[in-house]
Structure formats: structure tokens, C-alpha cells
C-alpha atoms as a PDB file:
ATOM      1  CA  GLN A   1       6.457  17.694  -3.558  1.00  0.00           C
ATOM      2  CA  VAL A   2       4.503  15.132  -1.538  1.00  0.00           C
ATOM      3  CA  GLN A   3       7.166  12.645   0.863  1.00  0.00           C
ATOM      4  CA  LEU A   4       6.048   9.011   1.565  1.00  0.00           C
ATOM      5  CA  VAL A   5       7.319   6.757   4.649  1.00  0.00           C
ATOM      6  CA  GLU A   6       5.849   3.303   4.882  1.00  0.00           C
ATOM      7  CA  SER A   7       5.666   1.074   7.661  1.00  0.00           C
ATOM      8  CA  GLY A   8       4.319  -1.964   9.098  1.00  0.00           C
ATOM      9  CA  GLY A   9       6.163  -4.607   7.381  1.00  0.00           C
ATOM     10  CA  GLY A  10       7.448  -7.419   9.411  1.00  0.00           C
ATOM     11  CA  LEU A  11       8.073 -11.417   9.016  1.00  0.00           C
ATOM     12  CA  VAL A  12       4.552 -13.429  10.054  1.00  0.00           C
ATOM     13  CA  GLN A  13       3.472 -16.548   9.562  1.00  0.00           C
ATOM     14  CA  ALA A  14       1.027 -17.777   6.350  1.00  0.00           C
ATOM     15  CA  GLY A  15      -2.642 -16.523   7.567  1.00  0.00           C
ATOM     16  CA  GLY A  16      -1.423 -13.546   9.616  1.00  0.00           C
ATOM     17  CA  SER A  17      -2.141 -10.531   9.292  1.00  0.00           C
ATOM     18  CA  LEU A  18       0.002  -7.331   9.001  1.00  0.00           C
ATOM     19  CA  ARG A  19      -1.275  -3.216   8.530  1.00  0.00           C
ATOM     20  CA  LEU A  20       0.780  -1.131   6.480  1.00  0.00           C
ATOM     21  CA  SER A  21       1.145   3.015   6.683  1.00  0.00           C
ATOM     22  CA  CYS A  22       2.345   5.218   4.583  1.00  0.00           C
ATOM     23  CA  ALA A  23       2.568   8.910   6.387  1.00  0.00           C
ATOM     24  CA  ALA A  24       2.519  11.518   4.103  1.00  0.00           C
ATOM     25  CA  SER A  25       4.084  15.184   4.257  1.00  0.00           C
ATOM     26  CA  GLY A  26       4.925  18.497   2.158  1.00  0.00           C
ATOM     27  CA  ARG A  27       1.502  18.454   0.672  1.00  0.00           C
ATOM     28  CA  SER A  28      -1.907  17.900   2.112  1.00  0.00           C
ATOM     29  CA  LEU A  29      -2.974  14.332   1.571  1.00  0.00           C
ATOM     30  CA  GLY A  30      -6.444  15.030   0.480  1.00  0.00           C
ATOM     31  CA  ASN A  31      -5.262  16.162  -2.697  1.00  0.00           C
ATOM     32  CA  TYR A  32      -4.318  12.786  -4.194  1.00  0.00           C
ATOM     33  CA  ALA A  33      -5.156   9.494  -5.001  1.00  0.00           C
ATOM     34  CA  MET A  34      -2.705   7.038  -3.020  1.00  0.00           C
ATOM     35  CA  GLY A  35      -1.326   3.248  -4.295  1.00  0.00           C
ATOM     36  CA  TRP A  36       0.203   0.512  -2.910  1.00  0.00           C
ATOM     37  CA  PHE A  37       2.395  -1.216  -5.279  1.00  0.00           C
ATOM     38  CA  ARG A  38       4.957  -4.220  -4.533  1.00  0.00           C
ATOM     39  CA  GLN A  39       7.679  -6.255  -5.819  1.00  0.00           C
ATOM     40  CA  ALA A  40       8.862  -9.270  -4.622  1.00  0.00           C
ATOM     41  CA  PRO A  41      12.341 -10.748  -5.781  1.00  0.00           C
ATOM     42  CA  GLY A  42      13.016 -11.396  -9.372  1.00  0.00           C
ATOM     43  CA  LYS A  43       9.854  -9.775 -10.431  1.00  0.00           C
ATOM     44  CA  GLU A  44       8.542  -6.237 -11.237  1.00  0.00           C
ATOM     45  CA  ARG A  45       6.580  -3.775  -9.112  1.00  0.00           C
ATOM     46  CA  ALA A  46       3.048  -4.672  -9.554  1.00  0.00           C
ATOM     47  CA  PHE A  47      -0.162  -2.703  -8.646  1.00  0.00           C
ATOM     48  CA  VAL A  48      -1.755  -3.906  -5.355  1.00  0.00           C
ATOM     49  CA  ALA A  49      -4.248  -1.337  -4.305  1.00  0.00           C
ATOM     50  CA  ALA A  50      -5.554   1.870  -5.191  1.00  0.00           C
ATOM     51  CA  ILE A  51      -7.990   4.598  -3.264  1.00  0.00           C
ATOM     52  CA  ASN A  52      -9.118   8.130  -4.697  1.00  0.00           C
ATOM     53  CA  TRP A  53      -8.718  11.157  -2.747  1.00  0.00           C
ATOM     54  CA  SER A  54     -11.816  11.039  -0.953  1.00  0.00           C
ATOM     55  CA  GLY A  55     -11.966   7.126   0.178  1.00  0.00           C
ATOM     56  CA  ASN A  56     -14.615   6.010  -2.422  1.00  0.00           C
ATOM     57  CA  THR A  57     -13.489   4.832  -5.138  1.00  0.00           C
ATOM     58  CA  VAL A  58     -10.792   1.852  -4.372  1.00  0.00           C
ATOM     59  CA  ARG A  59      -9.120  -0.561  -6.431  1.00  0.00           C
ATOM     60  CA  TYR A  60      -7.602  -4.091  -6.202  1.00  0.00           C
ATOM     61  CA  LEU A  61      -5.423  -6.359  -7.624  1.00  0.00           C
ATOM     62  CA  GLU A  62      -7.584  -9.501  -8.103  1.00  0.00           C
ATOM     63  CA  SER A  63      -5.403 -11.955  -5.990  1.00  0.00           C
ATOM     64  CA  VAL A  64      -6.000  -9.777  -2.722  1.00  0.00           C
ATOM     65  CA  ARG A  65      -9.328  -9.141  -3.421  1.00  0.00           C
ATOM     66  CA  GLY A  66     -11.366 -10.298   0.206  1.00  0.00           C
ATOM     67  CA  ARG A  67      -8.022  -9.647   2.194  1.00  0.00           C
ATOM     68  CA  PHE A  68      -6.272  -6.650   1.687  1.00  0.00           C
ATOM     69  CA  THR A  69      -8.204  -3.613   2.441  1.00  0.00           C
ATOM     70  CA  ILE A  70      -7.149  -0.047   1.594  1.00  0.00           C
ATOM     71  CA  SER A  71      -7.974   2.968   3.328  1.00  0.00           C
ATOM     72  CA  ARG A  72      -7.243   6.574   4.340  1.00  0.00           C
ATOM     73  CA  ASP A  73      -7.059   8.822   6.831  1.00  0.00           C
ATOM     74  CA  ASN A  74      -6.634  12.581   5.350  1.00  0.00           C
ATOM     75  CA  ALA A  75      -6.479  14.674   8.511  1.00  0.00           C
ATOM     76  CA  ARG A  76      -3.596  12.195   9.727  1.00  0.00           C
ATOM     77  CA  SER A  77      -2.024  11.915   6.232  1.00  0.00           C
ATOM     78  CA  THR A  78      -1.756   9.049   5.971  1.00  0.00           C
ATOM     79  CA  VAL A  79      -2.948   5.887   3.857  1.00  0.00           C
ATOM     80  CA  TYR A  80      -3.286   2.030   5.470  1.00  0.00           C
ATOM     81  CA  LEU A  81      -3.283  -1.662   3.666  1.00  0.00           C
ATOM     82  CA  GLN A  82      -4.746  -4.276   6.083  1.00  0.00           C
ATOM     83  CA  LEU A  83      -3.204  -7.600   4.837  1.00  0.00           C
ATOM     84  CA  ASN A  84      -5.220 -10.349   5.955  1.00  0.00           C
ATOM     85  CA  SER A  85      -5.011 -14.346   5.673  1.00  0.00           C
ATOM     86  CA  LEU A  86      -1.291 -13.385   4.109  1.00  0.00           C
ATOM     87  CA  LYS A  87      -0.099 -16.134   1.956  1.00  0.00           C
ATOM     88  CA  SER A  88       3.660 -16.870   1.260  1.00  0.00           C
ATOM     89  CA  GLU A  89       3.372 -15.608  -2.599  1.00  0.00           C
ATOM     90  CA  ASP A  90       2.508 -12.075  -0.649  1.00  0.00           C
ATOM     91  CA  THR A  91       6.231 -12.181   0.336  1.00  0.00           C
ATOM     92  CA  ALA A  92       7.537  -8.447  -1.166  1.00  0.00           C
ATOM     93  CA  VAL A  93       8.986  -5.141  -0.873  1.00  0.00           C
ATOM     94  CA  TYR A  94       5.393  -2.739  -0.921  1.00  0.00           C
ATOM     95  CA  TYR A  95       5.730   0.735  -1.991  1.00  0.00           C
ATOM     96  CA  CYS A  96       3.448   3.602  -1.218  1.00  0.00           C
ATOM     97  CA  ALA A  97       3.021   6.155  -4.029  1.00  0.00           C
ATOM     98  CA  ALA A  98       0.260   9.157  -4.409  1.00  0.00           C
ATOM     99  CA  GLY A  99      -0.654  10.820  -7.817  1.00  0.00           C
ATOM    100  CA  PRO A 100      -3.316  13.238  -9.161  1.00  0.00           C
ATOM    101  CA  GLN A 101      -5.273  10.163 -10.127  1.00  0.00           C
ATOM    102  CA  VAL A 102      -6.244   6.308  -9.270  1.00  0.00           C
ATOM    103  CA  MET A 103      -3.429   4.626 -11.491  1.00  0.00           C
ATOM    104  CA  LYS A 104      -1.513   7.526 -11.806  1.00  0.00           C
ATOM    105  CA  PHE A 105       1.418   8.170  -9.482  1.00  0.00           C
ATOM    106  CA  ASP A 106       4.187  10.666  -9.711  1.00  0.00           C
ATOM    107  CA  TYR A 107       5.241  10.101  -5.707  1.00  0.00           C
ATOM    108  CA  TRP A 108       6.870   6.759  -4.094  1.00  0.00           C
ATOM    109  CA  GLY A 109       8.168   5.701  -0.925  1.00  0.00           C
ATOM    110  CA  GLN A 110      11.119   3.739  -0.165  1.00  0.00           C
ATOM    111  CA  GLY A 111       9.012   0.680   0.686  1.00  0.00           C
ATOM    112  CA  THR A 112       8.828  -1.861   3.702  1.00  0.00           C
ATOM    113  CA  GLN A 113       9.695  -5.572   3.453  1.00  0.00           C
ATOM    114  CA  VAL A 114       6.831  -8.160   4.137  1.00  0.00           C
ATOM    115  CA  THR A 115       7.755 -11.690   4.208  1.00  0.00           C
ATOM    116  CA  VAL A 116       5.316 -14.491   5.014  1.00  0.00           C
ATOM    117  CA  SER A 117       6.873 -18.065   6.228  1.00  0.00           C
ATOM    118  CA  SER A 118       4.682 -21.131   4.942  1.00  0.00           C
END
């Protein structure tokens, strides 16, 4: 079992930045691919970014490519999502996920709210 806890969400003005963190416990984070998803009000949960266990393979939702950066620190069992140049359409609850490979996730955190004011 892997437990995931997200933090770092908040209220920010359009054009601002936030850094989300996801701390893992229960098993070594180095065994897992990690991902970030988001769910906006009235919409389904959507993929945002993912990174493989070593950090040398990343994927992004096209609309966030160049603005968001996913990274990981296996020694700290933490994965990050740097959000820059935020837009109102980035407003959502952001979820961290872990799984055996990129785009195949078995464990989920409880989410952290990101609100971007225009």
C-alpha cells in the first residue's frame, strides 16, 4: 500500500505560480511511476502530468506543456508539480497518483485545491 498526501494548493492570481507536493509513505516511492491529475467543477478527472520511476520520462497534457513541470525526489519520497503562468482554466482539485508504470495508477491522494483568480 502507498499513502499519498498532497499539499501546496491555494488561491493565486492569473499569471502566478504554485508548487504542489505529494508525499508518499508506506513503500519506497522509487518503485512507482507518479502522476498528477485534476478535476474542475462539473468535469471529469483529467490527466495533467506523469513521470516514470527514474525521472527520465515525463508526459504532459498539451495545454500545460511549457507552464507546468513535474519532478520527483525519491530520497524524500516526494513528487512535485510546479505550476507557472497560471490561468483561470487551471482552477481544479489536483490529485497525485502512483502506479507501476506511467499512465497506469493504482493509488490516489485526497487532492489539493488550486484556485486561479482572473
